Amino acid sequence: MKPYRAIPIGGKDFFVYGWYFERAGGSYIIPITYKYHTPASFVLTFVPVIPESVGQAIGLKDKQGKEVHQGDICKVIFGEQELIYACEWYDEIGAWVFRGNGEWLMWEDVFETCEIIGTIHTHPELIKK
């Protein structure tokens, strides 16, 4: 299972990373960083998150070595074009794709040039280009 990330309720420009779950109508992440608990803490910390901001790691990294997540906006070179696409799950083919401008590309098409430049949650204006 790949970890998730989401924007905490009350947060704005940062994500919390960890294990996602829903309970009693709420969405939460159990963090995998020590920002929310200490190494001596034996009690799990649940961080309430904005459900629309939840994105799973896809198990691949961009050209800078950053983990790519669902909802990342990436700059890619395809042929001789520089394109801006968002990473999302495509149910019809059961795969992660990069979608933008009414089209989509497979990871195999862009992995060598993919660079994360934002997310659809923190920089939605980028994907409109």
N, C-alpha and C. Protein backbone atom coordinates (compact mmCIF):
# COMPACT_ATOMS: atom_id res chain seq x y z
N MET A 1 0.84 -1.18 0.00
CA MET A 1 0.00 0.00 0.00
C MET A 1 0.88 1.24 0.00
N LYS A 2 0.56 2.18 -0.84
CA LYS A 2 1.33 3.42 -0.94
C LYS A 2 0.73 4.46 0.01
N PRO A 3 1.57 5.31 0.60
CA PRO A 3 1.05 6.36 1.50
C PRO A 3 0.29 7.43 0.73
N TYR A 4 -0.44 8.22 1.49
CA TYR A 4 -1.26 9.30 0.95
C TYR A 4 -0.75 10.64 1.45
N ARG A 5 -1.31 11.70 0.89
CA ARG A 5 -1.08 13.03 1.41
C ARG A 5 -2.40 13.80 1.27
N ALA A 6 -2.55 14.81 2.12
CA ALA A 6 -3.75 15.65 2.05
C ALA A 6 -3.47 16.95 2.78
N ILE A 7 -4.30 17.94 2.51
CA ILE A 7 -4.19 19.23 3.20
C ILE A 7 -5.01 19.14 4.48
N PRO A 8 -4.39 19.41 5.63
CA PRO A 8 -5.14 19.38 6.90
C PRO A 8 -6.22 20.45 6.92
N ILE A 9 -7.32 20.16 7.61
CA ILE A 9 -8.36 21.16 7.78
C ILE A 9 -7.72 22.33 8.52
N GLY A 10 -7.92 23.52 8.00
CA GLY A 10 -7.28 24.71 8.57
C GLY A 10 -5.93 24.98 7.94
N GLY A 11 -5.38 24.00 7.22
CA GLY A 11 -4.10 24.20 6.52
C GLY A 11 -4.37 24.86 5.19
N LYS A 12 -3.34 25.32 4.53
CA LYS A 12 -3.53 26.04 3.28
C LYS A 12 -2.53 25.61 2.23
N ASP A 13 -1.27 25.74 2.52
CA ASP A 13 -0.25 25.49 1.52
C ASP A 13 0.69 24.35 1.90
N PHE A 14 0.23 23.43 2.75
CA PHE A 14 1.10 22.32 3.10
C PHE A 14 0.28 21.04 3.19
N PHE A 15 0.96 19.92 3.09
CA PHE A 15 0.34 18.62 3.14
C PHE A 15 0.82 17.86 4.36
N VAL A 16 0.00 16.92 4.82
CA VAL A 16 0.41 15.94 5.81
C VAL A 16 0.47 14.61 5.06
N TYR A 17 1.50 13.82 5.36
CA TYR A 17 1.73 12.55 4.66
C TYR A 17 1.52 11.40 5.62
N GLY A 18 0.87 10.33 5.14
CA GLY A 18 0.66 9.17 5.99
C GLY A 18 -0.42 8.26 5.44
N TRP A 19 -1.14 7.61 6.37
CA TRP A 19 -2.13 6.59 6.01
C TRP A 19 -3.52 7.19 6.13
N TYR A 20 -4.30 7.09 5.07
CA TYR A 20 -5.61 7.74 4.98
C TYR A 20 -6.72 6.79 5.42
N PHE A 21 -7.71 7.35 6.13
CA PHE A 21 -8.92 6.58 6.43
C PHE A 21 -10.08 7.54 6.65
N GLU A 22 -11.29 7.00 6.55
CA GLU A 22 -12.52 7.76 6.79
C GLU A 22 -13.25 7.11 7.95
N ARG A 23 -13.86 7.96 8.80
CA ARG A 23 -14.62 7.44 9.93
C ARG A 23 -15.63 8.48 10.37
N ALA A 24 -16.84 8.03 10.61
CA ALA A 24 -17.92 8.88 11.12
C ALA A 24 -18.07 10.17 10.31
N GLY A 25 -17.98 10.05 9.00
CA GLY A 25 -18.15 11.20 8.13
C GLY A 25 -16.94 12.10 7.98
N GLY A 26 -15.84 11.76 8.64
CA GLY A 26 -14.62 12.57 8.55
C GLY A 26 -13.53 11.86 7.78
N SER A 27 -12.57 12.62 7.28
CA SER A 27 -11.41 12.10 6.57
C SER A 27 -10.17 12.42 7.39
N TYR A 28 -9.27 11.44 7.55
CA TYR A 28 -8.11 11.59 8.42
C TYR A 28 -6.88 10.96 7.80
N ILE A 29 -5.74 11.47 8.24
CA ILE A 29 -4.46 10.83 7.93
C ILE A 29 -3.73 10.57 9.24
N ILE A 30 -3.18 9.36 9.36
CA ILE A 30 -2.28 9.03 10.46
C ILE A 30 -0.89 9.37 9.94
N PRO A 31 -0.27 10.42 10.46
CA PRO A 31 1.00 10.90 9.89
C PRO A 31 2.14 9.90 10.04
N ILE A 32 3.05 9.94 9.09
CA ILE A 32 4.25 9.14 9.16
C ILE A 32 5.47 10.02 9.42
N THR A 33 5.22 11.24 9.91
CA THR A 33 6.30 12.14 10.30
C THR A 33 6.17 12.46 11.77
N TYR A 34 7.21 12.96 12.36
CA TYR A 34 7.21 13.28 13.79
C TYR A 34 6.68 14.68 14.08
N LYS A 35 6.21 15.38 13.05
CA LYS A 35 5.66 16.71 13.29
C LYS A 35 4.42 16.64 14.20
N TYR A 36 3.68 15.56 14.12
CA TYR A 36 2.43 15.45 14.86
C TYR A 36 2.51 14.58 16.11
N HIS A 37 3.60 13.89 16.31
CA HIS A 37 3.79 13.11 17.54
C HIS A 37 5.28 12.86 17.76
N THR A 38 5.62 12.48 18.95
CA THR A 38 7.03 12.26 19.29
C THR A 38 7.38 10.80 19.16
N PRO A 39 8.66 10.45 19.09
CA PRO A 39 9.05 9.04 19.01
C PRO A 39 8.56 8.25 20.22
N ALA A 40 8.37 8.91 21.35
CA ALA A 40 7.92 8.22 22.56
C ALA A 40 6.40 8.04 22.58
N SER A 41 5.72 8.63 21.62
CA SER A 41 4.26 8.56 21.59
C SER A 41 3.79 7.19 21.14
N PHE A 42 2.93 6.58 21.94
CA PHE A 42 2.37 5.28 21.57
C PHE A 42 0.92 5.41 21.14
N VAL A 43 0.39 6.61 21.18
CA VAL A 43 -0.98 6.87 20.78
C VAL A 43 -0.96 7.42 19.35
N LEU A 44 -1.76 6.83 18.50
CA LEU A 44 -1.82 7.31 17.13
C LEU A 44 -2.47 8.69 17.08
N THR A 45 -1.95 9.53 16.23
CA THR A 45 -2.50 10.86 16.02
C THR A 45 -3.28 10.84 14.71
N PHE A 46 -4.52 11.30 14.75
CA PHE A 46 -5.34 11.40 13.56
C PHE A 46 -5.45 12.87 13.18
N VAL A 47 -5.01 13.23 11.98
CA VAL A 47 -5.08 14.61 11.52
C VAL A 47 -6.27 14.74 10.58
N PRO A 48 -7.29 15.55 10.94
CA PRO A 48 -8.41 15.74 10.02
C PRO A 48 -7.96 16.48 8.77
N VAL A 49 -8.40 15.97 7.61
CA VAL A 49 -7.95 16.54 6.33
C VAL A 49 -9.14 16.87 5.44
N ILE A 50 -8.88 17.70 4.45
CA ILE A 50 -9.88 18.05 3.44
C ILE A 50 -9.98 16.88 2.46
N PRO A 51 -11.14 16.20 2.41
CA PRO A 51 -11.23 14.98 1.59
C PRO A 51 -10.87 15.18 0.12
N GLU A 52 -11.23 16.33 -0.46
CA GLU A 52 -10.94 16.57 -1.87
C GLU A 52 -9.44 16.71 -2.15
N SER A 53 -8.64 16.91 -1.11
CA SER A 53 -7.20 17.10 -1.32
C SER A 53 -6.40 15.81 -1.18
N VAL A 54 -7.06 14.71 -0.87
CA VAL A 54 -6.36 13.44 -0.65
C VAL A 54 -5.81 12.91 -1.97
N GLY A 55 -4.54 12.52 -1.97
CA GLY A 55 -3.93 11.93 -3.16
C GLY A 55 -2.93 10.86 -2.75
N GLN A 56 -2.96 9.74 -3.45
CA GLN A 56 -2.07 8.63 -3.14
C GLN A 56 -0.75 8.76 -3.90
N ALA A 57 0.34 8.33 -3.26
CA ALA A 57 1.62 8.23 -3.97
C ALA A 57 1.45 7.16 -5.05
N ILE A 58 2.02 7.42 -6.23
CA ILE A 58 1.85 6.46 -7.33
C ILE A 58 3.00 5.46 -7.41
N GLY A 59 4.00 5.63 -6.55
CA GLY A 59 5.12 4.69 -6.53
C GLY A 59 6.23 5.02 -7.49
N LEU A 60 6.20 6.22 -8.06
CA LEU A 60 7.21 6.64 -9.03
C LEU A 60 7.72 8.02 -8.65
N LYS A 61 8.90 8.38 -9.14
CA LYS A 61 9.50 9.67 -8.81
C LYS A 61 9.74 10.48 -10.08
N ASP A 62 9.70 11.81 -9.91
CA ASP A 62 9.98 12.68 -11.05
C ASP A 62 11.49 12.74 -11.29
N LYS A 63 11.91 13.54 -12.25
CA LYS A 63 13.33 13.59 -12.60
C LYS A 63 14.20 14.18 -11.50
N GLN A 64 13.59 14.89 -10.53
CA GLN A 64 14.32 15.44 -9.38
C GLN A 64 14.35 14.48 -8.19
N GLY A 65 13.70 13.32 -8.33
CA GLY A 65 13.67 12.34 -7.25
C GLY A 65 12.52 12.53 -6.27
N LYS A 66 11.56 13.42 -6.58
CA LYS A 66 10.40 13.64 -5.72
C LYS A 66 9.31 12.62 -6.02
N GLU A 67 8.71 12.07 -4.95
CA GLU A 67 7.61 11.12 -5.10
C GLU A 67 6.42 11.81 -5.80
N VAL A 68 5.88 11.17 -6.83
CA VAL A 68 4.73 11.70 -7.55
C VAL A 68 3.46 11.20 -6.87
N HIS A 69 2.51 12.12 -6.64
CA HIS A 69 1.21 11.80 -6.03
C HIS A 69 0.08 12.15 -6.99
N GLN A 70 -1.03 11.48 -6.78
CA GLN A 70 -2.25 11.84 -7.47
C GLN A 70 -2.53 13.32 -7.19
N GLY A 71 -2.81 14.08 -8.23
CA GLY A 71 -3.07 15.51 -8.07
C GLY A 71 -1.85 16.39 -8.30
N ASP A 72 -0.67 15.79 -8.50
CA ASP A 72 0.50 16.61 -8.82
C ASP A 72 0.36 17.18 -10.22
N ILE A 73 0.85 18.39 -10.39
CA ILE A 73 0.93 19.01 -11.71
C ILE A 73 2.39 18.91 -12.15
N CYS A 74 2.58 18.34 -13.33
CA CYS A 74 3.93 18.10 -13.82
C CYS A 74 4.16 18.77 -15.16
N LYS A 75 5.37 19.26 -15.32
CA LYS A 75 5.82 19.76 -16.62
C LYS A 75 6.53 18.59 -17.28
N VAL A 76 6.13 18.26 -18.51
CA VAL A 76 6.74 17.15 -19.23
C VAL A 76 7.14 17.61 -20.62
N ILE A 77 8.13 16.93 -21.17
CA ILE A 77 8.53 17.16 -22.56
C ILE A 77 8.05 15.95 -23.34
N PHE A 78 7.22 16.19 -24.33
CA PHE A 78 6.71 15.11 -25.17
C PHE A 78 6.96 15.51 -26.61
N GLY A 79 7.86 14.77 -27.25
CA GLY A 79 8.30 15.18 -28.59
C GLY A 79 9.11 16.45 -28.42
N GLU A 80 8.70 17.51 -29.07
CA GLU A 80 9.37 18.80 -28.94
C GLU A 80 8.55 19.79 -28.14
N GLN A 81 7.45 19.32 -27.52
CA GLN A 81 6.56 20.21 -26.79
C GLN A 81 6.79 20.11 -25.29
N GLU A 82 6.69 21.26 -24.63
CA GLU A 82 6.67 21.30 -23.16
C GLU A 82 5.20 21.41 -22.76
N LEU A 83 4.72 20.43 -21.98
CA LEU A 83 3.31 20.35 -21.63
C LEU A 83 3.12 20.37 -20.13
N ILE A 84 1.95 20.81 -19.68
CA ILE A 84 1.60 20.81 -18.27
C ILE A 84 0.42 19.86 -18.09
N TYR A 85 0.64 18.77 -17.32
CA TYR A 85 -0.39 17.76 -17.11
C TYR A 85 -0.54 17.47 -15.62
N ALA A 86 -1.71 16.96 -15.25
CA ALA A 86 -1.96 16.55 -13.87
C ALA A 86 -1.97 15.02 -13.79
N CYS A 87 -1.42 14.49 -12.72
CA CYS A 87 -1.39 13.05 -12.50
C CYS A 87 -2.72 12.61 -11.90
N GLU A 88 -3.34 11.60 -12.51
CA GLU A 88 -4.60 11.09 -11.98
C GLU A 88 -4.77 9.61 -12.35
N TRP A 89 -5.68 8.96 -11.64
CA TRP A 89 -6.00 7.56 -11.91
C TRP A 89 -7.04 7.51 -13.02
N TYR A 90 -6.83 6.66 -13.99
CA TYR A 90 -7.74 6.52 -15.12
C TYR A 90 -8.37 5.13 -15.02
N ASP A 91 -9.61 5.08 -14.54
CA ASP A 91 -10.30 3.81 -14.29
C ASP A 91 -10.42 2.94 -15.54
N GLU A 92 -10.68 3.56 -16.68
CA GLU A 92 -10.94 2.79 -17.90
C GLU A 92 -9.77 1.89 -18.30
N ILE A 93 -8.56 2.29 -17.97
CA ILE A 93 -7.41 1.44 -18.31
C ILE A 93 -6.69 0.92 -17.08
N GLY A 94 -7.13 1.36 -15.88
CA GLY A 94 -6.53 0.87 -14.64
C GLY A 94 -5.08 1.28 -14.48
N ALA A 95 -4.80 2.57 -14.72
CA ALA A 95 -3.41 3.03 -14.64
C ALA A 95 -3.35 4.51 -14.27
N TRP A 96 -2.20 4.93 -13.74
CA TRP A 96 -1.93 6.35 -13.50
C TRP A 96 -1.57 6.98 -14.83
N VAL A 97 -2.14 8.15 -15.10
CA VAL A 97 -1.86 8.86 -16.34
C VAL A 97 -1.61 10.33 -16.03
N PHE A 98 -1.13 11.04 -17.01
CA PHE A 98 -0.96 12.49 -16.94
C PHE A 98 -1.94 13.08 -17.93
N ARG A 99 -2.89 13.90 -17.41
CA ARG A 99 -3.98 14.39 -18.23
C ARG A 99 -3.95 15.92 -18.30
N GLY A 100 -4.19 16.44 -19.50
CA GLY A 100 -4.25 17.88 -19.72
C GLY A 100 -4.61 18.17 -21.15
N ASN A 101 -5.18 19.33 -21.37
CA ASN A 101 -5.55 19.76 -22.73
C ASN A 101 -6.41 18.74 -23.46
N GLY A 102 -7.28 18.02 -22.72
CA GLY A 102 -8.18 17.05 -23.34
C GLY A 102 -7.52 15.77 -23.79
N GLU A 103 -6.30 15.52 -23.36
CA GLU A 103 -5.60 14.29 -23.74
C GLU A 103 -4.86 13.73 -22.54
N TRP A 104 -4.33 12.53 -22.65
CA TRP A 104 -3.57 11.95 -21.56
C TRP A 104 -2.36 11.20 -22.10
N LEU A 105 -1.35 11.11 -21.23
CA LEU A 105 -0.12 10.39 -21.55
C LEU A 105 0.16 9.36 -20.47
N MET A 106 0.74 8.26 -20.84
CA MET A 106 1.16 7.24 -19.87
C MET A 106 2.50 7.64 -19.25
N TRP A 107 2.78 7.13 -18.05
CA TRP A 107 4.04 7.40 -17.36
C TRP A 107 5.22 7.07 -18.26
N GLU A 108 5.15 5.96 -18.99
CA GLU A 108 6.25 5.53 -19.86
C GLU A 108 6.60 6.58 -20.90
N ASP A 109 5.61 7.42 -21.25
CA ASP A 109 5.83 8.47 -22.25
C ASP A 109 6.58 9.67 -21.70
N VAL A 110 6.55 9.87 -20.37
CA VAL A 110 7.03 11.13 -19.81
C VAL A 110 8.02 11.00 -18.66
N PHE A 111 8.30 9.79 -18.17
CA PHE A 111 9.06 9.66 -16.92
C PHE A 111 10.44 10.31 -16.95
N GLU A 112 11.09 10.34 -18.08
CA GLU A 112 12.44 10.92 -18.13
C GLU A 112 12.43 12.44 -18.01
N THR A 113 11.30 13.08 -18.35
CA THR A 113 11.25 14.54 -18.34
C THR A 113 10.28 15.11 -17.32
N CYS A 114 9.53 14.27 -16.63
CA CYS A 114 8.50 14.72 -15.69
C CYS A 114 9.12 15.50 -14.53
N GLU A 115 8.59 16.70 -14.28
CA GLU A 115 9.04 17.52 -13.15
C GLU A 115 7.80 18.09 -12.45
N ILE A 116 7.66 17.80 -11.15
CA ILE A 116 6.53 18.31 -10.39
C ILE A 116 6.70 19.82 -10.21
N ILE A 117 5.65 20.57 -10.58
CA ILE A 117 5.71 22.03 -10.44
C ILE A 117 4.61 22.57 -9.53
N GLY A 118 3.77 21.70 -9.00
CA GLY A 118 2.69 22.13 -8.11
C GLY A 118 1.69 21.01 -7.94
N THR A 119 0.54 21.37 -7.38
CA THR A 119 -0.57 20.41 -7.24
C THR A 119 -1.86 21.09 -7.68
N ILE A 120 -2.86 20.27 -7.98
CA ILE A 120 -4.15 20.83 -8.38
C ILE A 120 -4.83 21.54 -7.21
N HIS A 121 -4.35 21.29 -6.00
CA HIS A 121 -4.96 21.89 -4.81
C HIS A 121 -4.30 23.21 -4.42
N THR A 122 -3.00 23.31 -4.61
CA THR A 122 -2.29 24.52 -4.20
C THR A 122 -1.99 25.47 -5.37
N HIS A 123 -2.01 24.95 -6.59
CA HIS A 123 -1.71 25.76 -7.77
C HIS A 123 -2.64 25.39 -8.93
N PRO A 124 -3.96 25.47 -8.75
CA PRO A 124 -4.87 25.04 -9.81
C PRO A 124 -4.73 25.83 -11.11
N GLU A 125 -4.23 27.05 -11.02
CA GLU A 125 -4.08 27.87 -12.22
C GLU A 125 -3.07 27.29 -13.20
N LEU A 126 -2.14 26.46 -12.72
CA LEU A 126 -1.11 25.90 -13.61
C LEU A 126 -1.70 24.95 -14.63
N ILE A 127 -2.70 24.19 -14.24
CA ILE A 127 -3.23 23.15 -15.14
C ILE A 127 -4.07 23.74 -16.26
N LYS A 128 -4.46 24.97 -16.16
CA LYS A 128 -5.26 25.61 -17.20
C LYS A 128 -4.43 26.06 -18.39
N LYS A 129 -3.10 26.01 -18.23
CA LYS A 129 -2.21 26.44 -19.31
C LYS A 129 -2.16 25.41 -20.40
